[in-house]
Amino acid sequence: MNIQLAKAISYAEIRLEYRVYLESCGLAKNTVQTAYNDSFYLWNKSGQDIFWKVILDDDFENVARRELLAVLRKNTTGDSQKLINGYMSHLRRFRKFLQVVPEAFAKNKLNIKNDTKRVPMPCPEQLEHYLKLWNELENYHLQENALDKLFYELCPENKSISDILLKVATLNDFYSTNIFSVYSVAKHIYELDIDKRLQLGDVTLVNDIKKVAINGKTQNFYSFATKFCSHHRPLDYPIYDSYVEKVLLHFKKLDNFTEFVSTDLKNYSSFKEILICFGEFYGLSDYNLKDIDKYIWQLGKEYFPKNYKKRQNKSENIGSICYEQMFYLDYE
């Protein structure tokens, strides 16, 4: 393999290439999972330059052992001497990957399984990329700034039904949440007396808000409920939407980063725990849930787009659909 080509590939891409290689070796699923995570331990802790310096050093065995020991002593509480052998074996396997995989692999010309979408693997580099995109798009961050002003400055509490009504109506308009009786939802939230529970980060509040009786029938506004809570306390209440669901299910299938089924995502406490597990599994623990929320939503929008043309044919409100494409509005 051309090492310069390999070094030019992003962290997410080379991890994906390496995983496909590991699977082609007939290794057990758990071995593949451990190898493709632990092989990049040095990259995650010491950076890309140190990783490649170690991998390509003529005195690999001694240099790798020295660097790994230093990192393990700094980042773990266990016996570094016992831990190092496992990491060394993973680095040796990765060096073999560089030697045996054809050059076309590094050029991203490998045919991957038809049922596997080539979605970039989650990592801090990818998250930073999408956070930058978010901040560069005015319609994203300016509309969020407007909501922050409404929720934090103008109507921070929920003791007045008029304040709640203003927030519900604004969210419904911005996000096209299809709430057909805004007053009913506002009255329902007012009667729940939610401020203390919001301050406590009570995740059961979402499930209470989502169920609203309208004309004798209980409606389920789950996605809206996550938004309403999130815009009060974004670090405690991540937002659920269909894009986020698709991304989580994709990586569950690919990596099994935690055990869950699709219906668990509609239970808010489970949904939040799944997001936390996602962040821990992919090395995103230094980021808060709001950052991860922005990242996953954009990733889902890019790689799991909705069929707007089909929906447009079914809708009389064409302007609403065009607006939805501009900002992350349809969370159902």
Protein backbone atom coordinates (compact mmCIF):
# COMPACT_ATOMS: atom_id res chain seq x y z
CA MET A 1 0.00 0.00 0.00
CA ASN A 2 1.16 3.52 -0.73
CA ILE A 3 1.75 4.89 2.77
CA GLN A 4 1.33 8.49 1.65
CA LEU A 5 -2.13 7.66 0.32
CA ALA A 6 -2.99 5.97 3.61
CA LYS A 7 -1.82 9.00 5.59
CA ALA A 8 -3.93 11.27 3.41
CA ILE A 9 -7.14 9.43 4.30
CA SER A 10 -9.13 10.87 7.18
CA TYR A 11 -9.36 9.14 10.53
CA ALA A 12 -12.94 8.09 9.84
CA GLU A 13 -12.14 6.72 6.38
CA ILE A 14 -9.11 4.68 7.37
CA ARG A 15 -10.99 3.18 10.30
CA LEU A 16 -13.74 2.12 7.93
CA GLU A 17 -11.22 0.65 5.48
CA TYR A 18 -9.50 -1.19 8.30
CA ARG A 19 -12.75 -2.62 9.58
CA VAL A 20 -13.57 -4.06 6.16
CA TYR A 21 -10.09 -5.58 6.04
CA LEU A 22 -10.54 -7.15 9.50
CA GLU A 23 -13.87 -8.65 8.48
CA SER A 24 -12.27 -10.07 5.34
CA CYS A 25 -9.78 -11.94 7.55
CA GLY A 26 -12.57 -14.08 9.01
CA LEU A 27 -12.03 -12.83 12.56
CA ALA A 28 -14.69 -13.17 15.24
CA LYS A 29 -17.05 -10.19 15.56
CA ASN A 30 -15.73 -9.27 19.02
CA THR A 31 -12.15 -9.45 17.78
CA VAL A 32 -12.96 -7.17 14.86
CA GLN A 33 -14.65 -4.69 17.17
CA THR A 34 -11.78 -4.61 19.66
CA ALA A 35 -9.08 -4.46 16.99
CA TYR A 36 -10.60 -1.65 15.02
CA ASN A 37 -11.07 0.44 18.16
CA ASP A 38 -7.85 -0.31 20.05
CA SER A 39 -5.60 -0.06 17.01
CA PHE A 40 -6.26 3.69 17.04
CA TYR A 41 -5.81 4.21 20.78
CA LEU A 42 -2.50 5.97 20.23
CA TRP A 43 -4.04 8.20 17.54
CA ASN A 44 -6.89 9.19 19.89
CA LYS A 45 -4.61 9.93 22.84
CA SER A 46 -1.43 11.31 21.23
CA GLY A 47 -2.58 12.50 17.82
CA GLN A 48 -2.21 11.55 14.18
CA ASP A 49 1.46 12.51 13.82
CA ILE A 50 2.65 10.37 16.74
CA PHE A 51 0.54 7.45 15.52
CA TRP A 52 2.11 7.44 12.05
CA LYS A 53 5.59 8.06 13.44
CA VAL A 54 5.25 4.95 15.60
CA ILE A 55 3.65 2.79 12.90
CA LEU A 56 6.33 3.60 10.33
CA ASP A 57 9.38 3.61 12.59
CA ASP A 58 12.10 1.10 11.68
CA ASP A 59 12.41 0.32 15.38
CA PHE A 60 8.65 -0.19 15.67
CA GLU A 61 8.63 -2.66 18.57
CA ASN A 62 10.64 -0.48 20.94
CA VAL A 63 9.20 2.86 19.87
CA ALA A 64 5.59 1.64 20.01
CA ARG A 65 6.07 0.06 23.41
CA ARG A 66 7.62 3.23 24.80
CA GLU A 67 4.86 5.51 23.45
CA LEU A 68 2.07 3.19 24.55
CA LEU A 69 3.45 2.86 28.06
CA ALA A 70 3.57 6.63 28.42
CA VAL A 71 -0.02 7.03 27.21
CA LEU A 72 -1.37 4.15 29.29
CA ARG A 73 0.24 5.45 32.47
CA LYS A 74 -1.33 8.84 31.84
CA ASN A 75 -4.83 7.69 30.90
CA THR A 76 -5.53 4.45 32.79
CA THR A 77 -5.50 3.30 36.39
CA GLY A 78 -4.71 -0.31 35.54
CA ASP A 79 -1.35 -2.04 35.25
CA SER A 80 0.18 -0.56 32.10
CA GLN A 81 2.61 -3.46 31.73
CA LYS A 82 -0.28 -5.90 31.53
CA LEU A 83 -2.35 -3.75 29.19
CA ILE A 84 0.37 -2.95 26.70
CA ASN A 85 0.59 -6.40 25.09
CA GLY A 86 -2.96 -6.19 23.76
CA TYR A 87 -2.39 -2.76 22.22
CA MET A 88 0.90 -3.90 20.70
CA SER A 89 -0.81 -6.85 19.00
CA HIS A 90 -3.41 -4.50 17.49
CA LEU A 91 -0.72 -2.17 16.14
CA ARG A 92 1.13 -5.12 14.60
CA ARG A 93 -2.07 -6.18 12.85
CA PHE A 94 -2.57 -2.67 11.53
CA ARG A 95 1.00 -2.66 10.13
CA LYS A 96 0.16 -5.89 8.36
CA PHE A 97 -2.95 -4.24 6.93
CA LEU A 98 -0.76 -1.51 5.44
CA GLN A 99 1.47 -4.12 3.84
CA VAL A 100 -1.11 -6.45 2.32
CA VAL A 101 -4.03 -4.24 1.30
CA PRO A 102 -3.83 -3.14 -2.35
CA GLU A 103 -3.30 0.50 -3.25
CA ALA A 104 -6.84 0.78 -4.55
CA PHE A 105 -7.98 0.29 -0.95
CA ALA A 106 -6.38 3.58 0.06
CA LYS A 107 -7.99 5.32 -2.91
CA ASN A 108 -11.41 4.31 -1.59
CA LYS A 109 -12.15 2.09 -4.61
CA LEU A 110 -12.94 -1.01 -2.59
CA ASN A 111 -16.42 -2.43 -3.11
CA ILE A 112 -18.04 -2.53 0.29
CA LYS A 113 -21.01 -4.75 1.12
CA ASN A 114 -24.16 -3.53 -0.59
CA ASP A 115 -26.03 -3.28 2.72
CA THR A 116 -23.38 -1.03 4.30
CA LYS A 117 -23.64 2.69 3.59
CA ARG A 118 -20.33 4.46 3.45
CA VAL A 119 -21.16 6.82 6.28
CA PRO A 120 -18.05 8.37 7.90
CA MET A 121 -17.24 6.70 11.20
CA PRO A 122 -17.99 8.81 14.27
CA CYS A 123 -14.92 10.43 15.80
CA PRO A 124 -13.93 13.84 17.23
CA GLU A 125 -12.65 14.91 13.81
CA GLN A 126 -16.04 14.27 12.20
CA LEU A 127 -17.93 15.95 15.03
CA GLU A 128 -15.76 19.07 14.76
CA HIS A 129 -16.33 19.09 11.01
CA TYR A 130 -20.11 19.15 11.41
CA LEU A 131 -20.05 21.68 14.25
CA LYS A 132 -18.09 23.98 11.97
CA LEU A 133 -20.65 23.48 9.20
CA TRP A 134 -23.45 24.29 11.64
CA ASN A 135 -21.83 27.55 12.68
CA GLU A 136 -21.12 28.56 9.09
CA LEU A 137 -24.76 28.21 7.98
CA GLU A 138 -26.64 31.35 9.00
CA ASN A 139 -30.09 29.81 8.79
CA TYR A 140 -29.04 27.18 11.36
CA HIS A 141 -27.38 29.19 14.08
CA LEU A 142 -29.35 32.42 13.66
CA GLN A 143 -32.70 30.67 14.02
CA GLU A 144 -31.33 28.83 17.04
CA ASN A 145 -30.20 32.18 18.47
CA ALA A 146 -33.74 33.48 18.03
CA LEU A 147 -35.13 30.51 19.94
CA ASP A 148 -32.52 30.99 22.66
CA LYS A 149 -33.67 34.59 23.09
CA LEU A 150 -37.27 33.46 23.37
CA PHE A 151 -36.61 30.62 25.82
CA TYR A 152 -33.84 32.18 27.93
CA GLU A 153 -34.62 35.90 27.95
CA LEU A 154 -38.24 36.62 27.01
CA CYS A 155 -40.07 33.57 28.40
CA PRO A 156 -37.70 31.52 30.57
CA GLU A 157 -40.47 30.13 32.82
CA ASN A 158 -43.69 28.26 32.18
CA LYS A 159 -45.98 29.83 34.77
CA SER A 160 -48.03 31.81 32.25
CA ILE A 161 -50.05 30.06 29.59
CA SER A 162 -49.45 32.98 27.22
CA ASP A 163 -45.67 32.49 27.52
CA ILE A 164 -46.05 28.77 26.90
CA LEU A 165 -48.37 29.42 23.98
CA LEU A 166 -45.79 31.72 22.40
CA LYS A 167 -43.06 29.07 22.73
CA VAL A 168 -45.22 26.23 21.46
CA ALA A 169 -46.41 28.25 18.47
CA THR A 170 -42.85 29.33 17.60
CA LEU A 171 -41.47 25.79 17.81
CA ASN A 172 -44.37 24.47 15.78
CA ASP A 173 -43.71 27.06 13.09
CA PHE A 174 -39.91 26.75 13.06
CA TYR A 175 -39.86 22.98 13.13
CA SER A 176 -43.10 22.16 11.30
CA THR A 177 -44.06 19.74 14.06
CA ASN A 178 -47.64 19.41 12.76
CA ILE A 179 -49.30 20.42 16.00
CA PHE A 180 -52.82 21.20 14.81
CA SER A 181 -54.05 22.55 18.16
CA VAL A 182 -51.35 24.77 19.62
CA TYR A 183 -53.54 25.97 22.48
CA SER A 184 -54.31 22.42 23.61
CA VAL A 185 -50.61 21.61 23.83
CA ALA A 186 -49.82 24.86 25.66
CA LYS A 187 -52.63 24.27 28.17
CA HIS A 188 -51.42 20.71 28.73
CA ILE A 189 -47.88 21.94 29.49
CA TYR A 190 -49.22 24.68 31.76
CA GLU A 191 -51.17 22.14 33.81
CA LEU A 192 -48.08 19.93 34.23
CA ASP A 193 -46.25 22.72 36.11
CA ILE A 194 -42.92 21.72 34.58
CA ASP A 195 -40.30 24.26 35.74
CA LYS A 196 -38.94 22.33 38.74
CA ARG A 197 -38.75 19.13 36.72
CA LEU A 198 -36.92 20.95 33.93
CA GLN A 199 -34.35 22.26 36.39
CA LEU A 200 -33.80 18.74 37.67
CA GLY A 201 -33.38 17.37 34.15
CA ASP A 202 -36.23 14.92 34.74
CA VAL A 203 -36.29 12.75 31.61
CA THR A 204 -39.78 11.45 32.41
CA LEU A 205 -41.08 14.95 31.68
CA VAL A 206 -40.76 14.34 27.92
CA ASN A 207 -43.10 11.36 28.09
CA ASP A 208 -45.61 13.43 30.09
CA ILE A 209 -45.53 16.36 27.67
CA LYS A 210 -45.84 14.25 24.52
CA LYS A 211 -49.29 12.83 25.35
CA VAL A 212 -51.96 15.46 24.76
CA ALA A 213 -55.71 14.88 24.74
CA ILE A 214 -57.34 16.73 21.83
CA ASN A 215 -61.05 16.29 21.10
CA GLY A 216 -61.19 13.13 23.18
CA LYS A 217 -58.23 11.49 21.44
CA THR A 218 -54.69 11.22 22.85
CA GLN A 219 -52.06 12.57 20.45
CA ASN A 220 -48.37 11.68 20.67
CA PHE A 221 -46.09 14.68 20.09
CA TYR A 222 -42.88 12.94 21.13
CA SER A 223 -40.46 14.81 18.89
CA PHE A 224 -42.01 18.16 19.81
CA ALA A 225 -41.73 17.30 23.52
CA THR A 226 -38.00 16.65 23.17
CA LYS A 227 -37.58 20.01 21.43
CA PHE A 228 -39.58 21.90 24.02
CA CYS A 229 -37.48 20.50 26.86
CA SER A 230 -34.23 20.82 24.92
CA HIS A 231 -34.70 24.51 24.22
CA HIS A 232 -34.97 25.07 27.97
CA ARG A 233 -32.04 22.84 28.94
CA PRO A 234 -30.11 21.61 25.86
CA LEU A 235 -27.40 19.83 27.84
CA ASP A 236 -29.95 17.66 29.64
CA TYR A 237 -32.47 17.02 26.87
CA PRO A 238 -31.16 15.88 23.47
CA ILE A 239 -33.60 16.14 20.57
CA TYR A 240 -35.11 13.07 18.94
CA ASP A 241 -35.86 13.10 15.22
CA SER A 242 -35.96 10.68 12.30
CA TYR A 243 -32.45 11.59 11.10
CA VAL A 244 -30.99 10.89 14.53
CA GLU A 245 -32.88 7.60 14.67
CA LYS A 246 -31.50 6.49 11.30
CA VAL A 247 -27.92 7.29 12.28
CA LEU A 248 -28.18 5.45 15.59
CA LEU A 249 -29.74 2.39 13.94
CA HIS A 250 -27.07 2.43 11.22
CA PHE A 251 -24.20 2.32 13.69
CA LYS A 252 -26.03 -0.15 15.91
CA LYS A 253 -26.10 -2.49 12.92
CA LEU A 254 -22.50 -1.74 12.02
CA ASP A 255 -20.82 -1.73 15.45
CA ASN A 256 -23.46 -2.77 18.00
CA PHE A 257 -22.22 0.11 20.17
CA THR A 258 -24.93 -0.75 22.71
CA GLU A 259 -27.91 -3.09 22.90
CA PHE A 260 -31.26 -1.60 21.87
CA VAL A 261 -34.11 -1.97 19.41
CA SER A 262 -35.75 0.78 17.39
CA THR A 263 -38.71 1.12 19.75
CA ASP A 264 -36.31 2.02 22.59
CA LEU A 265 -35.62 5.30 20.81
CA LYS A 266 -39.24 6.32 21.41
CA ASN A 267 -38.74 5.94 25.17
CA TYR A 268 -36.96 9.11 26.14
CA SER A 269 -34.89 7.83 29.05
CA SER A 270 -33.66 4.97 26.85
CA PHE A 271 -33.02 7.35 23.96
CA LYS A 272 -30.84 9.58 26.11
CA GLU A 273 -28.87 6.60 27.45
CA ILE A 274 -28.33 5.33 23.90
CA LEU A 275 -26.92 8.71 22.86
CA ILE A 276 -24.59 8.72 25.87
CA CYS A 277 -23.40 5.20 24.97
CA PHE A 278 -22.88 6.35 21.38
CA GLY A 279 -20.65 9.19 22.55
CA GLU A 280 -18.63 6.99 24.90
CA PHE A 281 -18.18 4.22 22.34
CA TYR A 282 -16.86 6.53 19.62
CA GLY A 283 -14.62 8.65 21.82
CA LEU A 284 -16.89 11.70 21.97
CA SER A 285 -17.11 11.97 25.75
CA ASP A 286 -15.43 15.38 25.73
CA TYR A 287 -18.46 16.80 23.92
CA ASN A 288 -21.87 17.57 25.40
CA LEU A 289 -25.18 16.15 24.24
CA LYS A 290 -26.02 19.32 22.32
CA ASP A 291 -22.83 19.02 20.28
CA ILE A 292 -23.54 15.36 19.58
CA ASP A 293 -27.13 16.27 18.72
CA LYS A 294 -26.01 18.79 16.07
CA TYR A 295 -23.47 16.35 14.65
CA ILE A 296 -25.78 13.34 14.36
CA TRP A 297 -28.63 15.35 12.89
CA GLN A 298 -26.44 16.78 10.11
CA LEU A 299 -24.89 13.37 9.45
CA GLY A 300 -28.35 11.84 9.10
CA LYS A 301 -29.59 14.65 6.88
CA GLU A 302 -26.62 14.16 4.54
CA TYR A 303 -26.52 10.36 4.36
CA PHE A 304 -30.17 9.42 5.00
CA PRO A 305 -32.08 12.14 3.13
CA LYS A 306 -35.84 12.11 3.00
CA ASN A 307 -37.74 11.88 -0.25
CA TYR A 308 -38.94 15.48 -0.37
CA LYS A 309 -40.23 15.17 -3.92
CA LYS A 310 -42.57 12.39 -2.93
CA ARG A 311 -43.75 14.29 0.12
CA GLN A 312 -44.19 17.47 -1.88
CA ASN A 313 -46.64 15.73 -4.19
CA LYS A 314 -48.71 14.80 -1.16
CA SER A 315 -48.66 18.23 0.43
CA GLU A 316 -50.38 21.45 -0.44
CA ASN A 317 -47.91 23.42 1.63
CA ILE A 318 -44.91 23.46 -0.71
CA GLY A 319 -43.32 26.41 1.07
CA SER A 320 -43.23 24.50 4.34
CA ILE A 321 -41.35 21.63 2.72
CA CYS A 322 -38.80 23.93 1.11
CA TYR A 323 -38.25 25.58 4.48
CA GLU A 324 -37.85 22.20 6.11
CA GLN A 325 -35.03 21.41 3.70
CA MET A 326 -33.29 24.58 4.78
CA PHE A 327 -33.44 23.93 8.52
CA TYR A 328 -33.96 20.88 10.68
CA LEU A 329 -37.64 21.25 11.18
CA ASP A 330 -39.45 17.96 10.60
CA TYR A 331 -38.42 15.88 13.59
CA GLU A 332 -41.21 13.37 13.49
